[in-house]
Amino acid sequence: MKNILHESHDFSVMPLAVVVVVVVVAVVVIVVVVVVVVVVVMVVRVVVTVVVVVGVIVTVVVVVVEVAVITIWIINKGLQKFCMEISAACRKINATAH
């Protein structure tokens, strides 16, 4: 019975088919890893771009809403003052008419 632990392994006599299979498997693994990395990088780029675009859109919407609210507030204050002046004028006219 041969002692497998003490045998010297001579890799130069490995059959050509085994070498070809090992090389093909290694190349396939490397290609798959590269493709996965490229796809992950592309997906991350798309996600980052979408997040940036959504952030810009949200910022623009917030600024537009703030400007609209401030404008409406200013118009409202002006209308309140205008209405109070008209009301005072109407009271004067009413007082002088009676």
C-alpha atoms as a PDB file:
ATOM      1  CA  MET A   1       0.000   0.000   0.000  1.00  0.00           C
ATOM      2  CA  LYS A   2       1.361   3.395  -0.995  1.00  0.00           C
ATOM      3  CA  ASN A   3       1.703   6.151   1.528  1.00  0.00           C
ATOM      4  CA  ILE A   4      -0.001   9.128  -0.132  1.00  0.00           C
ATOM      5  CA  LEU A   5       1.411  11.673   2.302  1.00  0.00           C
ATOM      6  CA  HIS A   6       5.017  10.877   1.413  1.00  0.00           C
ATOM      7  CA  GLU A   7       4.519  10.734  -2.355  1.00  0.00           C
ATOM      8  CA  SER A   8       6.014  13.617  -4.252  1.00  0.00           C
ATOM      9  CA  HIS A   9       3.514  15.241  -6.520  1.00  0.00           C
ATOM     10  CA  ASP A  10       4.960  15.930  -9.916  1.00  0.00           C
ATOM     11  CA  PHE A  11       2.731  18.518 -11.545  1.00  0.00           C
ATOM     12  CA  SER A  12       4.605  18.312 -14.845  1.00  0.00           C
ATOM     13  CA  VAL A  13       2.851  15.035 -15.648  1.00  0.00           C
ATOM     14  CA  MET A  14      -0.642  16.460 -15.135  1.00  0.00           C
ATOM     15  CA  PRO A  15      -2.789  15.675 -18.118  1.00  0.00           C
ATOM     16  CA  LEU A  16      -3.286  18.516 -20.562  1.00  0.00           C
ATOM     17  CA  ALA A  17      -7.067  18.365 -20.112  1.00  0.00           C
ATOM     18  CA  VAL A  18      -6.765  19.126 -16.383  1.00  0.00           C
ATOM     19  CA  VAL A  19      -4.539  22.133 -17.088  1.00  0.00           C
ATOM     20  CA  VAL A  20      -6.963  23.420 -19.722  1.00  0.00           C
ATOM     21  CA  VAL A  21      -9.945  23.008 -17.375  1.00  0.00           C
ATOM     22  CA  VAL A  22      -8.151  24.798 -14.534  1.00  0.00           C
ATOM     23  CA  VAL A  23      -7.140  27.687 -16.820  1.00  0.00           C
ATOM     24  CA  VAL A  24     -10.651  27.964 -18.306  1.00  0.00           C
ATOM     25  CA  VAL A  25     -12.265  27.947 -14.853  1.00  0.00           C
ATOM     26  CA  ALA A  26      -9.811  30.603 -13.638  1.00  0.00           C
ATOM     27  CA  VAL A  27     -10.491  32.809 -16.665  1.00  0.00           C
ATOM     28  CA  VAL A  28     -14.272  32.388 -16.266  1.00  0.00           C
ATOM     29  CA  VAL A  29     -14.064  33.289 -12.564  1.00  0.00           C
ATOM     30  CA  ILE A  30     -11.966  36.370 -13.323  1.00  0.00           C
ATOM     31  CA  VAL A  31     -14.351  37.474 -16.105  1.00  0.00           C
ATOM     32  CA  VAL A  32     -17.398  36.981 -13.856  1.00  0.00           C
ATOM     33  CA  VAL A  33     -15.791  38.976 -11.042  1.00  0.00           C
ATOM     34  CA  VAL A  34     -14.862  41.802 -13.430  1.00  0.00           C
ATOM     35  CA  VAL A  35     -18.375  41.866 -14.926  1.00  0.00           C
ATOM     36  CA  VAL A  36     -19.975  41.899 -11.457  1.00  0.00           C
ATOM     37  CA  VAL A  37     -17.691  44.744 -10.335  1.00  0.00           C
ATOM     38  CA  VAL A  38     -18.444  46.752 -13.495  1.00  0.00           C
ATOM     39  CA  VAL A  39     -22.207  46.227 -13.099  1.00  0.00           C
ATOM     40  CA  VAL A  40     -22.077  47.217  -9.409  1.00  0.00           C
ATOM     41  CA  VAL A  41     -20.099  50.356 -10.245  1.00  0.00           C
ATOM     42  CA  MET A  42     -22.586  51.287 -12.996  1.00  0.00           C
ATOM     43  CA  VAL A  43     -25.562  50.729 -10.678  1.00  0.00           C
ATOM     44  CA  VAL A  44     -23.919  52.818  -7.949  1.00  0.00           C
ATOM     45  CA  ARG A  45     -23.278  55.612 -10.472  1.00  0.00           C
ATOM     46  CA  VAL A  46     -26.916  55.551 -11.590  1.00  0.00           C
ATOM     47  CA  VAL A  47     -28.154  55.576  -7.983  1.00  0.00           C
ATOM     48  CA  VAL A  48     -25.844  58.472  -7.073  1.00  0.00           C
ATOM     49  CA  THR A  49     -26.980  60.404 -10.167  1.00  0.00           C
ATOM     50  CA  VAL A  50     -30.653  59.816  -9.312  1.00  0.00           C
ATOM     51  CA  VAL A  51     -30.072  60.907  -5.702  1.00  0.00           C
ATOM     52  CA  VAL A  52     -28.299  64.090  -6.855  1.00  0.00           C
ATOM     53  CA  VAL A  53     -31.017  64.918  -9.413  1.00  0.00           C
ATOM     54  CA  VAL A  54     -33.782  64.309  -6.858  1.00  0.00           C
ATOM     55  CA  GLY A  55     -31.898  66.478  -4.352  1.00  0.00           C
ATOM     56  CA  VAL A  56     -31.616  69.323  -6.866  1.00  0.00           C
ATOM     57  CA  ILE A  57     -35.316  69.029  -7.771  1.00  0.00           C
ATOM     58  CA  VAL A  58     -36.342  69.029  -4.093  1.00  0.00           C
ATOM     59  CA  THR A  59     -34.123  72.043  -3.424  1.00  0.00           C
ATOM     60  CA  VAL A  60     -35.627  73.966  -6.357  1.00  0.00           C
ATOM     61  CA  VAL A  61     -39.168  73.081  -5.241  1.00  0.00           C
ATOM     62  CA  VAL A  62     -38.431  74.178  -1.663  1.00  0.00           C
ATOM     63  CA  VAL A  63     -36.968  77.497  -2.852  1.00  0.00           C
ATOM     64  CA  VAL A  64     -39.948  78.128  -5.169  1.00  0.00           C
ATOM     65  CA  VAL A  65     -42.404  77.336  -2.359  1.00  0.00           C
ATOM     66  CA  GLU A  66     -40.542  79.620   0.048  1.00  0.00           C
ATOM     67  CA  VAL A  67     -40.535  82.478  -2.475  1.00  0.00           C
ATOM     68  CA  ALA A  68     -44.246  81.899  -3.139  1.00  0.00           C
ATOM     69  CA  VAL A  69     -45.073  81.882   0.577  1.00  0.00           C
ATOM     70  CA  ILE A  70     -43.086  85.066   1.206  1.00  0.00           C
ATOM     71  CA  THR A  71     -44.697  86.754  -1.821  1.00  0.00           C
ATOM     72  CA  ILE A  72     -48.189  85.740  -0.688  1.00  0.00           C
ATOM     73  CA  TRP A  73     -47.420  86.998   2.820  1.00  0.00           C
ATOM     74  CA  ILE A  74     -46.232  90.363   1.462  1.00  0.00           C
ATOM     75  CA  ILE A  75     -49.298  90.650  -0.806  1.00  0.00           C
ATOM     76  CA  ASN A  76     -51.547  89.669   2.103  1.00  0.00           C
ATOM     77  CA  LYS A  77     -50.018  92.343   4.347  1.00  0.00           C
ATOM     78  CA  GLY A  78     -50.420  94.920   1.575  1.00  0.00           C
ATOM     79  CA  LEU A  79     -54.035  93.915   1.003  1.00  0.00           C
ATOM     80  CA  GLN A  80     -54.746  94.069   4.737  1.00  0.00           C
ATOM     81  CA  LYS A  81     -53.343  97.606   4.885  1.00  0.00           C
ATOM     82  CA  PHE A  82     -55.238  98.593   1.730  1.00  0.00           C
ATOM     83  CA  CYS A  83     -58.502  97.147   3.092  1.00  0.00           C
ATOM     84  CA  MET A  84     -58.022  98.926   6.415  1.00  0.00           C
ATOM     85  CA  GLU A  85     -57.519 102.241   4.576  1.00  0.00           C
ATOM     86  CA  ILE A  86     -60.642 101.652   2.474  1.00  0.00           C
ATOM     87  CA  SER A  87     -62.580 100.703   5.602  1.00  0.00           C
ATOM     88  CA  ALA A  88     -61.424 103.870   7.365  1.00  0.00           C
ATOM     89  CA  ALA A  89     -62.360 105.944   4.319  1.00  0.00           C
ATOM     90  CA  CYS A  90     -65.775 104.282   4.181  1.00  0.00           C
ATOM     91  CA  ARG A  91     -66.320 105.055   7.870  1.00  0.00           C
ATOM     92  CA  LYS A  92     -65.407 108.715   7.237  1.00  0.00           C
ATOM     93  CA  ILE A  93     -67.814 108.887   4.308  1.00  0.00           C
ATOM     94  CA  ASN A  94     -70.489 107.208   6.389  1.00  0.00           C
ATOM     95  CA  ALA A  95     -69.917 109.587   9.293  1.00  0.00           C
ATOM     96  CA  THR A  96     -70.117 112.684   7.091  1.00  0.00           C
ATOM     97  CA  ALA A  97     -73.203 111.395   5.248  1.00  0.00           C
ATOM     98  CA  HIS A  98     -75.273 111.042   8.406  1.00  0.00           C
END
